[in-house]
Amino acid sequence: MVRTPKNRREILARTTGTETGSPVSGRKVKLQVFEILEDASWETRLPELLELPSAKVVGPLFSSLYNADPLVKWHGVTAFGLIVPAMADQRMESGRIVLRRCMWSLSDESGGIGWGIPETMGEILTNHKTLAEEFHSILLSYIKESEDSPDNYLEYAPLRRGAVWAAGRLAETKPDLAVKAAADLRSCLSDPDASIRGTACWALGFLQGHFSPNDLEPLLFDDANLDLYKKRKLASVTVAGLAREALEGTSGGTRI
C-alpha cells in the first residue's frame, strides 16, 4: 500500500531522495521507473512513482517517450500526468519548470524532435487546474496555423498528431479551455494524415456545440485505420468510427 507523506519534511525528503538519510541513485530510480512502466500491472503500480524522489523521476519519464514500445511511451505520458501535478501541488514552480522544458523541446533551438512532448503537456494540463490555466494557450497553439498568431504550429505530422491528441485530452476534463481550439480541430478533419483526422474527430466529441453534422458526416466513409490512446488503452480504430462516435455524442460531446 502506498503511504501518504505526513508532513512537509517527509515530502521534501521524498522529493530530494533523502528520506532514508542517503540519496537515492539516479540509475536506481530509472530502473524502478521503467520496471513500473513495462509491467503488465503498470496502472495499479503507478502510485509507486510517488514514493520515489520526483526530481529523479522526471528524467526517466522523458526517456520513456523515446521507447520503441508505444505502450511504454504512453504509460510514460500517463505517469507525467500523475507526477508533475503532484510536484506542482507542493511547489508550483516545479511544475512550470517541467512544462517549460517541454516547450523548449518543441522549439527550433532544441535541435531535437520532441517525441511525445505535446501528449505529455496535454496529460499534465488535464490533471492540474492552475497549470492548465497558465499553459493551455501554448499547448493549443501547436495546432493553430495562422499568420496572426505566434508561429508555434507543428508542421511535422507525427508531432501534430500528438498535439491534436493533447487538445482532445484537455477537452475531456476542461472543455472550457480546449474550446479555443475548436476551429483548428475542425480544420484538422481534412488533414491528409489519417491519425490527425481521426484524433480530431475524437477531440471534437468532447466539445459540445462546436461542430456540426456537416463537419463530420463526410468522414463516415473514411475507413482509414489509426491507433488511439484513450482510457489508458491503445486501441485500433477507424476515422469513420470516431466520426460516428462524435456525431452520436458517445465520446463525450454533443453536436449542433
C-alpha atoms as a PDB file:
ATOM      1  CA  MET A   1       0.000   0.000   0.000  1.00  0.00           C
ATOM      2  CA  VAL A   2       1.286   3.454  -0.885  1.00  0.00           C
ATOM      3  CA  ARG A   3       1.850   5.559   2.222  1.00  0.00           C
ATOM      4  CA  THR A   4       0.939   9.233   2.042  1.00  0.00           C
ATOM      5  CA  PRO A   5       3.629  11.611   3.353  1.00  0.00           C
ATOM      6  CA  LYS A   6       2.500  13.159   6.619  1.00  0.00           C
ATOM      7  CA  ASN A   7       4.369  16.435   6.727  1.00  0.00           C
ATOM      8  CA  ARG A   8       6.448  18.926   4.790  1.00  0.00           C
ATOM      9  CA  ARG A   9       9.745  17.415   5.950  1.00  0.00           C
ATOM     10  CA  GLU A  10       8.743  13.989   4.670  1.00  0.00           C
ATOM     11  CA  ILE A  11       7.585  15.457   1.358  1.00  0.00           C
ATOM     12  CA  LEU A  12      10.908  17.267   0.976  1.00  0.00           C
ATOM     13  CA  ALA A  13      12.782  14.069   1.788  1.00  0.00           C
ATOM     14  CA  ARG A  14      10.937  12.173  -0.923  1.00  0.00           C
ATOM     15  CA  THR A  15      11.437  14.938  -3.432  1.00  0.00           C
ATOM     16  CA  THR A  16      15.190  15.051  -2.906  1.00  0.00           C
ATOM     17  CA  GLY A  17      15.699  11.366  -2.311  1.00  0.00           C
ATOM     18  CA  THR A  18      16.988  11.721   1.267  1.00  0.00           C
ATOM     19  CA  GLU A  19      14.123  10.101   3.155  1.00  0.00           C
ATOM     20  CA  THR A  20      16.346   7.266   4.393  1.00  0.00           C
ATOM     21  CA  GLY A  21      19.286   9.536   5.147  1.00  0.00           C
ATOM     22  CA  SER A  22      21.217   8.879   1.943  1.00  0.00           C
ATOM     23  CA  PRO A  23      20.481   9.955  -1.640  1.00  0.00           C
ATOM     24  CA  VAL A  24      18.769   7.506  -3.983  1.00  0.00           C
ATOM     25  CA  SER A  25      20.887   6.984  -7.093  1.00  0.00           C
ATOM     26  CA  GLY A  26      19.507   8.234 -10.381  1.00  0.00           C
ATOM     27  CA  ARG A  27      20.259   4.900 -12.023  1.00  0.00           C
ATOM     28  CA  LYS A  28      18.278   3.013  -9.406  1.00  0.00           C
ATOM     29  CA  VAL A  29      15.319   5.344  -9.843  1.00  0.00           C
ATOM     30  CA  LYS A  30      15.446   4.959 -13.632  1.00  0.00           C
ATOM     31  CA  LEU A  31      15.383   1.172 -13.328  1.00  0.00           C
ATOM     32  CA  GLN A  32      12.423   1.367 -10.968  1.00  0.00           C
ATOM     33  CA  VAL A  33      10.530   3.753 -13.245  1.00  0.00           C
ATOM     34  CA  PHE A  34      10.946   1.543 -16.296  1.00  0.00           C
ATOM     35  CA  GLU A  35      10.107  -1.578 -14.304  1.00  0.00           C
ATOM     36  CA  ILE A  36       6.771   0.017 -13.463  1.00  0.00           C
ATOM     37  CA  LEU A  37       6.056   1.356 -16.964  1.00  0.00           C
ATOM     38  CA  GLU A  38       6.837  -2.026 -18.564  1.00  0.00           C
ATOM     39  CA  ASP A  39       4.832  -4.064 -16.050  1.00  0.00           C
ATOM     40  CA  ALA A  40       1.600  -5.678 -17.205  1.00  0.00           C
ATOM     41  CA  SER A  41       0.078  -4.277 -13.997  1.00  0.00           C
ATOM     42  CA  TRP A  42       1.575  -0.832 -14.613  1.00  0.00           C
ATOM     43  CA  GLU A  43      -1.665   1.020 -13.919  1.00  0.00           C
ATOM     44  CA  THR A  44      -2.047  -0.334 -10.392  1.00  0.00           C
ATOM     45  CA  ARG A  45       1.647   0.320  -9.769  1.00  0.00           C
ATOM     46  CA  LEU A  46       1.613   3.954 -10.892  1.00  0.00           C
ATOM     47  CA  PRO A  47       1.237   5.282  -7.320  1.00  0.00           C
ATOM     48  CA  GLU A  48       4.618   3.704  -6.554  1.00  0.00           C
ATOM     49  CA  LEU A  49       6.166   6.521  -8.579  1.00  0.00           C
ATOM     50  CA  LEU A  50       5.037   8.930  -5.882  1.00  0.00           C
ATOM     51  CA  GLU A  51       7.253   7.035  -3.429  1.00  0.00           C
ATOM     52  CA  LEU A  52      10.332   7.927  -5.494  1.00  0.00           C
ATOM     53  CA  PRO A  53      12.141  11.299  -5.421  1.00  0.00           C
ATOM     54  CA  SER A  54      10.230  13.290  -8.030  1.00  0.00           C
ATOM     55  CA  ALA A  55      13.299  15.245  -9.110  1.00  0.00           C
ATOM     56  CA  LYS A  56      14.845  11.968 -10.259  1.00  0.00           C
ATOM     57  CA  VAL A  57      11.677  10.502 -11.779  1.00  0.00           C
ATOM     58  CA  VAL A  58      11.196  13.230 -14.392  1.00  0.00           C
ATOM     59  CA  GLY A  59      14.338  12.355 -16.368  1.00  0.00           C
ATOM     60  CA  PRO A  60      13.431   8.670 -16.846  1.00  0.00           C
ATOM     61  CA  LEU A  61       9.901   9.681 -17.800  1.00  0.00           C
ATOM     62  CA  PHE A  62      11.273  11.900 -20.568  1.00  0.00           C
ATOM     63  CA  SER A  63      13.405   8.943 -21.697  1.00  0.00           C
ATOM     64  CA  SER A  64      10.309   6.734 -21.830  1.00  0.00           C
ATOM     65  CA  LEU A  65       8.838   8.957 -24.547  1.00  0.00           C
ATOM     66  CA  TYR A  66      11.508   7.628 -26.931  1.00  0.00           C
ATOM     67  CA  ASN A  67      10.873   3.969 -26.118  1.00  0.00           C
ATOM     68  CA  ALA A  68      10.441   1.650 -29.098  1.00  0.00           C
ATOM     69  CA  ASP A  69       7.390   0.104 -27.441  1.00  0.00           C
ATOM     70  CA  PRO A  70       4.479   2.521 -27.941  1.00  0.00           C
ATOM     71  CA  LEU A  71       2.789   1.232 -24.794  1.00  0.00           C
ATOM     72  CA  VAL A  72       5.777   2.183 -22.643  1.00  0.00           C
ATOM     73  CA  LYS A  73       5.719   5.639 -24.210  1.00  0.00           C
ATOM     74  CA  TRP A  74       2.032   6.092 -23.457  1.00  0.00           C
ATOM     75  CA  HIS A  75       2.455   4.768 -19.934  1.00  0.00           C
ATOM     76  CA  GLY A  76       5.138   7.421 -19.510  1.00  0.00           C
ATOM     77  CA  VAL A  77       2.729  10.092 -20.718  1.00  0.00           C
ATOM     78  CA  THR A  78       0.154   8.929 -18.182  1.00  0.00           C
ATOM     79  CA  ALA A  79       2.797   8.924 -15.443  1.00  0.00           C
ATOM     80  CA  PHE A  80       3.689  12.536 -16.231  1.00  0.00           C
ATOM     81  CA  GLY A  81       0.054  13.381 -15.522  1.00  0.00           C
ATOM     82  CA  LEU A  82       0.482  11.950 -12.041  1.00  0.00           C
ATOM     83  CA  ILE A  83       3.962  13.117 -11.086  1.00  0.00           C
ATOM     84  CA  VAL A  84       4.069  16.710 -12.340  1.00  0.00           C
ATOM     85  CA  PRO A  85       0.726  17.786 -10.839  1.00  0.00           C
ATOM     86  CA  ALA A  86       1.903  16.312  -7.520  1.00  0.00           C
ATOM     87  CA  MET A  87       5.106  18.329  -7.828  1.00  0.00           C
ATOM     88  CA  ALA A  88       3.124  21.468  -8.628  1.00  0.00           C
ATOM     89  CA  ASP A  89       0.869  20.936  -5.629  1.00  0.00           C
ATOM     90  CA  GLN A  90       3.927  21.161  -3.417  1.00  0.00           C
ATOM     91  CA  ARG A  91       5.718  23.882  -5.366  1.00  0.00           C
ATOM     92  CA  MET A  92       4.099  25.428  -8.426  1.00  0.00           C
ATOM     93  CA  GLU A  93       7.388  26.449  -9.969  1.00  0.00           C
ATOM     94  CA  SER A  94       8.459  22.790 -10.153  1.00  0.00           C
ATOM     95  CA  GLY A  95       5.523  22.037 -12.449  1.00  0.00           C
ATOM     96  CA  ARG A  96       6.186  25.131 -14.527  1.00  0.00           C
ATOM     97  CA  ILE A  97       9.820  24.127 -14.999  1.00  0.00           C
ATOM     98  CA  VAL A  98       8.803  20.762 -16.466  1.00  0.00           C
ATOM     99  CA  LEU A  99       6.371  22.427 -18.864  1.00  0.00           C
ATOM    100  CA  ARG A 100       8.977  24.977 -19.928  1.00  0.00           C
ATOM    101  CA  ARG A 101      11.322  22.096 -20.655  1.00  0.00           C
ATOM    102  CA  CYS A 102       8.581  20.601 -22.825  1.00  0.00           C
ATOM    103  CA  MET A 103       8.152  23.879 -24.668  1.00  0.00           C
ATOM    104  CA  TRP A 104      11.886  24.131 -25.279  1.00  0.00           C
ATOM    105  CA  SER A 105      11.932  20.560 -26.631  1.00  0.00           C
ATOM    106  CA  LEU A 106       9.466  21.629 -29.322  1.00  0.00           C
ATOM    107  CA  SER A 107      11.410  24.749 -30.272  1.00  0.00           C
ATOM    108  CA  ASP A 108      13.894  25.009 -33.125  1.00  0.00           C
ATOM    109  CA  GLU A 109      16.602  25.843 -30.610  1.00  0.00           C
ATOM    110  CA  SER A 110      16.433  22.383 -29.031  1.00  0.00           C
ATOM    111  CA  GLY A 111      17.710  20.677 -32.174  1.00  0.00           C
ATOM    112  CA  GLY A 112      15.558  17.652 -31.347  1.00  0.00           C
ATOM    113  CA  ILE A 113      12.243  16.212 -32.469  1.00  0.00           C
ATOM    114  CA  GLY A 114      10.247  16.379 -29.249  1.00  0.00           C
ATOM    115  CA  TRP A 115       8.684  12.930 -29.476  1.00  0.00           C
ATOM    116  CA  GLY A 116       5.759  12.582 -27.077  1.00  0.00           C
ATOM    117  CA  ILE A 117       6.084  16.119 -25.780  1.00  0.00           C
ATOM    118  CA  PRO A 118       2.681  17.503 -26.888  1.00  0.00           C
ATOM    119  CA  GLU A 119       0.977  14.447 -25.392  1.00  0.00           C
ATOM    120  CA  THR A 120       2.905  14.941 -22.166  1.00  0.00           C
ATOM    121  CA  MET A 121       1.868  18.580 -21.927  1.00  0.00           C
ATOM    122  CA  GLY A 122      -1.749  17.643 -22.570  1.00  0.00           C
ATOM    123  CA  GLU A 123      -1.761  14.984 -19.872  1.00  0.00           C
ATOM    124  CA  ILE A 124      -0.179  17.299 -17.309  1.00  0.00           C
ATOM    125  CA  LEU A 125      -2.628  20.124 -18.018  1.00  0.00           C
ATOM    126  CA  THR A 126      -5.541  17.709 -17.923  1.00  0.00           C
ATOM    127  CA  ASN A 127      -4.642  16.864 -14.345  1.00  0.00           C
ATOM    128  CA  HIS A 128      -3.824  20.281 -12.883  1.00  0.00           C
ATOM    129  CA  LYS A 129      -6.189  23.250 -12.977  1.00  0.00           C
ATOM    130  CA  THR A 130      -3.666  26.044 -12.389  1.00  0.00           C
ATOM    131  CA  LEU A 131      -1.101  24.718 -14.857  1.00  0.00           C
ATOM    132  CA  ALA A 132      -3.880  24.285 -17.411  1.00  0.00           C
ATOM    133  CA  GLU A 133      -4.978  27.879 -16.982  1.00  0.00           C
ATOM    134  CA  GLU A 134      -1.410  29.109 -17.416  1.00  0.00           C
ATOM    135  CA  PHE A 135      -0.235  26.917 -20.290  1.00  0.00           C
ATOM    136  CA  HIS A 136      -3.280  25.813 -22.320  1.00  0.00           C
ATOM    137  CA  SER A 137      -2.936  28.616 -24.875  1.00  0.00           C
ATOM    138  CA  ILE A 138       0.593  27.491 -25.673  1.00  0.00           C
ATOM    139  CA  LEU A 139      -0.470  23.868 -25.993  1.00  0.00           C
ATOM    140  CA  LEU A 140      -3.338  24.718 -28.335  1.00  0.00           C
ATOM    141  CA  SER A 141      -1.113  26.975 -30.451  1.00  0.00           C
ATOM    142  CA  TYR A 142       0.712  23.885 -31.717  1.00  0.00           C
ATOM    143  CA  ILE A 143      -2.252  23.042 -33.976  1.00  0.00           C
ATOM    144  CA  LYS A 144      -3.082  26.633 -34.933  1.00  0.00           C
ATOM    145  CA  GLU A 145      -1.920  27.573 -38.412  1.00  0.00           C
ATOM    146  CA  SER A 146      -2.364  31.336 -38.639  1.00  0.00           C
ATOM    147  CA  GLU A 147      -0.382  34.355 -39.732  1.00  0.00           C
ATOM    148  CA  ASP A 148      -1.921  36.357 -36.892  1.00  0.00           C
ATOM    149  CA  SER A 149      -0.668  34.132 -34.058  1.00  0.00           C
ATOM    150  CA  PRO A 150       2.731  33.045 -32.714  1.00  0.00           C
ATOM    151  CA  ASP A 151       4.441  30.605 -35.047  1.00  0.00           C
ATOM    152  CA  ASN A 152       4.158  27.519 -32.850  1.00  0.00           C
ATOM    153  CA  TYR A 153       2.343  25.399 -35.434  1.00  0.00           C
ATOM    154  CA  LEU A 154       3.858  21.925 -35.679  1.00  0.00           C
ATOM    155  CA  GLU A 155       4.344  21.227 -39.365  1.00  0.00           C
ATOM    156  CA  TYR A 156       5.732  17.734 -38.800  1.00  0.00           C
ATOM    157  CA  ALA A 157       2.668  15.465 -38.901  1.00  0.00           C
ATOM    158  CA  PRO A 158       3.795  12.922 -36.239  1.00  0.00           C
ATOM    159  CA  LEU A 159       4.235  15.751 -33.734  1.00  0.00           C
ATOM    160  CA  ARG A 160       0.970  17.378 -34.765  1.00  0.00           C
ATOM    161  CA  ARG A 161      -0.834  14.094 -34.117  1.00  0.00           C
ATOM    162  CA  GLY A 162       0.311  14.340 -30.528  1.00  0.00           C
ATOM    163  CA  ALA A 163      -0.811  17.946 -30.257  1.00  0.00           C
ATOM    164  CA  VAL A 164      -4.288  17.082 -31.559  1.00  0.00           C
ATOM    165  CA  TRP A 165      -4.471  14.243 -29.036  1.00  0.00           C
ATOM    166  CA  ALA A 166      -3.394  16.664 -26.298  1.00  0.00           C
ATOM    167  CA  ALA A 167      -6.172  19.080 -27.252  1.00  0.00           C
ATOM    168  CA  GLY A 168      -8.655  16.229 -27.067  1.00  0.00           C
ATOM    169  CA  ARG A 169      -7.342  15.076 -23.725  1.00  0.00           C
ATOM    170  CA  LEU A 170      -7.712  18.608 -22.377  1.00  0.00           C
ATOM    171  CA  ALA A 171     -11.228  18.757 -23.806  1.00  0.00           C
ATOM    172  CA  GLU A 172     -12.183  15.663 -21.799  1.00  0.00           C
ATOM    173  CA  THR A 173     -11.793  17.430 -18.469  1.00  0.00           C
ATOM    174  CA  LYS A 174     -11.501  21.135 -19.263  1.00  0.00           C
ATOM    175  CA  PRO A 175     -13.657  21.847 -22.329  1.00  0.00           C
ATOM    176  CA  ASP A 176     -13.930  25.494 -21.299  1.00  0.00           C
ATOM    177  CA  LEU A 177     -10.216  25.857 -22.079  1.00  0.00           C
ATOM    178  CA  ALA A 178      -9.969  23.448 -25.012  1.00  0.00           C
ATOM    179  CA  VAL A 179     -12.880  25.073 -26.820  1.00  0.00           C
ATOM    180  CA  LYS A 180     -10.460  27.724 -28.063  1.00  0.00           C
ATOM    181  CA  ALA A 181      -9.091  25.060 -30.411  1.00  0.00           C
ATOM    182  CA  ALA A 182     -12.469  24.006 -31.830  1.00  0.00           C
ATOM    183  CA  ALA A 183     -11.974  25.765 -35.171  1.00  0.00           C
ATOM    184  CA  ASP A 184      -8.462  24.358 -35.519  1.00  0.00           C
ATOM    185  CA  LEU A 185      -9.724  20.863 -34.735  1.00  0.00           C
ATOM    186  CA  ARG A 186     -12.373  21.235 -37.420  1.00  0.00           C
ATOM    187  CA  SER A 187      -9.616  22.213 -39.852  1.00  0.00           C
ATOM    188  CA  CYS A 188      -7.787  19.016 -38.903  1.00  0.00           C
ATOM    189  CA  LEU A 189     -10.705  16.966 -40.228  1.00  0.00           C
ATOM    190  CA  SER A 190      -9.391  17.498 -43.764  1.00  0.00           C
ATOM    191  CA  ASP A 191      -5.757  16.747 -42.924  1.00  0.00           C
ATOM    192  CA  PRO A 192      -4.096  14.224 -45.276  1.00  0.00           C
ATOM    193  CA  ASP A 193      -2.865  12.313 -42.207  1.00  0.00           C
ATOM    194  CA  ALA A 194      -5.475   9.761 -41.102  1.00  0.00           C
ATOM    195  CA  SER A 195      -4.329   9.806 -37.479  1.00  0.00           C
ATOM    196  CA  ILE A 196      -4.851  13.555 -37.329  1.00  0.00           C
ATOM    197  CA  ARG A 197      -8.301  13.311 -38.943  1.00  0.00           C
ATOM    198  CA  GLY A 198      -9.422  10.567 -36.598  1.00  0.00           C
ATOM    199  CA  THR A 199      -7.989  12.096 -33.451  1.00  0.00           C
ATOM    200  CA  ALA A 200      -9.633  15.412 -34.321  1.00  0.00           C
ATOM    201  CA  CYS A 201     -12.988  13.603 -34.528  1.00  0.00           C
ATOM    202  CA  TRP A 202     -12.401  12.137 -31.082  1.00  0.00           C
ATOM    203  CA  ALA A 203     -11.368  15.512 -29.666  1.00  0.00           C
ATOM    204  CA  LEU A 204     -14.373  17.340 -31.103  1.00  0.00           C
ATOM    205  CA  GLY A 205     -16.644  14.790 -29.482  1.00  0.00           C
ATOM    206  CA  PHE A 206     -15.834  16.390 -26.139  1.00  0.00           C
ATOM    207  CA  LEU A 207     -16.634  19.927 -27.280  1.00  0.00           C
ATOM    208  CA  GLN A 208     -20.356  20.336 -27.023  1.00  0.00           C
ATOM    209  CA  GLY A 209     -21.954  22.574 -29.599  1.00  0.00           C
ATOM    210  CA  HIS A 210     -18.788  23.353 -31.510  1.00  0.00           C
ATOM    211  CA  PHE A 211     -19.134  21.135 -34.565  1.00  0.00           C
ATOM    212  CA  SER A 212     -21.947  20.447 -36.973  1.00  0.00           C
ATOM    213  CA  PRO A 213     -23.013  17.247 -38.741  1.00  0.00           C
ATOM    214  CA  ASN A 214     -21.687  18.724 -41.984  1.00  0.00           C
ATOM    215  CA  ASP A 215     -18.201  18.776 -40.483  1.00  0.00           C
ATOM    216  CA  LEU A 216     -18.114  15.082 -39.672  1.00  0.00           C
ATOM    217  CA  GLU A 217     -20.540  13.310 -41.996  1.00  0.00           C
ATOM    218  CA  PRO A 218     -18.055  13.139 -44.925  1.00  0.00           C
ATOM    219  CA  LEU A 219     -15.736  11.140 -42.655  1.00  0.00           C
ATOM    220  CA  LEU A 220     -18.343   8.447 -42.020  1.00  0.00           C
ATOM    221  CA  PHE A 221     -16.976   6.750 -45.133  1.00  0.00           C
ATOM    222  CA  ASP A 222     -13.318   7.133 -44.152  1.00  0.00           C
ATOM    223  CA  ASP A 223     -12.146   3.635 -43.226  1.00  0.00           C
ATOM    224  CA  ALA A 224      -8.509   4.596 -42.622  1.00  0.00           C
ATOM    225  CA  ASN A 225      -7.064   2.941 -39.523  1.00  0.00           C
ATOM    226  CA  LEU A 226      -5.240   4.583 -36.636  1.00  0.00           C
ATOM    227  CA  ASP A 227      -4.158   3.784 -33.097  1.00  0.00           C
ATOM    228  CA  LEU A 228      -5.743   5.978 -30.433  1.00  0.00           C
ATOM    229  CA  TYR A 229      -4.801   6.059 -26.753  1.00  0.00           C
ATOM    230  CA  LYS A 230      -7.905   6.570 -24.658  1.00  0.00           C
ATOM    231  CA  LYS A 231      -8.907   5.448 -21.192  1.00  0.00           C
ATOM    232  CA  ARG A 232      -5.286   4.334 -20.743  1.00  0.00           C
ATOM    233  CA  LYS A 233      -5.600   1.758 -23.540  1.00  0.00           C
ATOM    234  CA  LEU A 234      -4.117   1.841 -27.045  1.00  0.00           C
ATOM    235  CA  ALA A 235      -6.936   0.919 -29.404  1.00  0.00           C
ATOM    236  CA  SER A 236      -7.032   0.260 -33.137  1.00  0.00           C
ATOM    237  CA  VAL A 237      -9.880   2.332 -34.551  1.00  0.00           C
ATOM    238  CA  THR A 238     -11.039   3.919 -37.804  1.00  0.00           C
ATOM    239  CA  VAL A 239     -11.668   7.523 -38.736  1.00  0.00           C
ATOM    240  CA  ALA A 240     -15.243   6.587 -39.637  1.00  0.00           C
ATOM    241  CA  GLY A 241     -15.841   5.014 -36.244  1.00  0.00           C
ATOM    242  CA  LEU A 242     -14.540   8.061 -34.399  1.00  0.00           C
ATOM    243  CA  ALA A 243     -16.617  10.395 -36.562  1.00  0.00           C
ATOM    244  CA  ARG A 244     -19.690   8.308 -35.785  1.00  0.00           C
ATOM    245  CA  GLU A 245     -18.985   8.425 -32.046  1.00  0.00           C
ATOM    246  CA  ALA A 246     -18.616  12.188 -32.133  1.00  0.00           C
ATOM    247  CA  LEU A 247     -21.861  12.614 -34.063  1.00  0.00           C
ATOM    248  CA  GLU A 248     -23.696  10.329 -31.660  1.00  0.00           C
ATOM    249  CA  GLY A 249     -22.189  12.059 -28.654  1.00  0.00           C
ATOM    250  CA  THR A 250     -20.706   8.813 -27.322  1.00  0.00           C
ATOM    251  CA  SER A 251     -17.218  10.258 -26.905  1.00  0.00           C
ATOM    252  CA  GLY A 252     -18.482  12.891 -24.521  1.00  0.00           C
ATOM    253  CA  GLY A 253     -19.755  15.770 -26.628  1.00  0.00           C
ATOM    254  CA  THR A 254     -22.901  16.816 -28.437  1.00  0.00           C
ATOM    255  CA  ARG A 255     -23.444  18.269 -31.843  1.00  0.00           C
ATOM    256  CA  ILE A 256     -25.169  21.403 -33.047  1.00  0.00           C
END
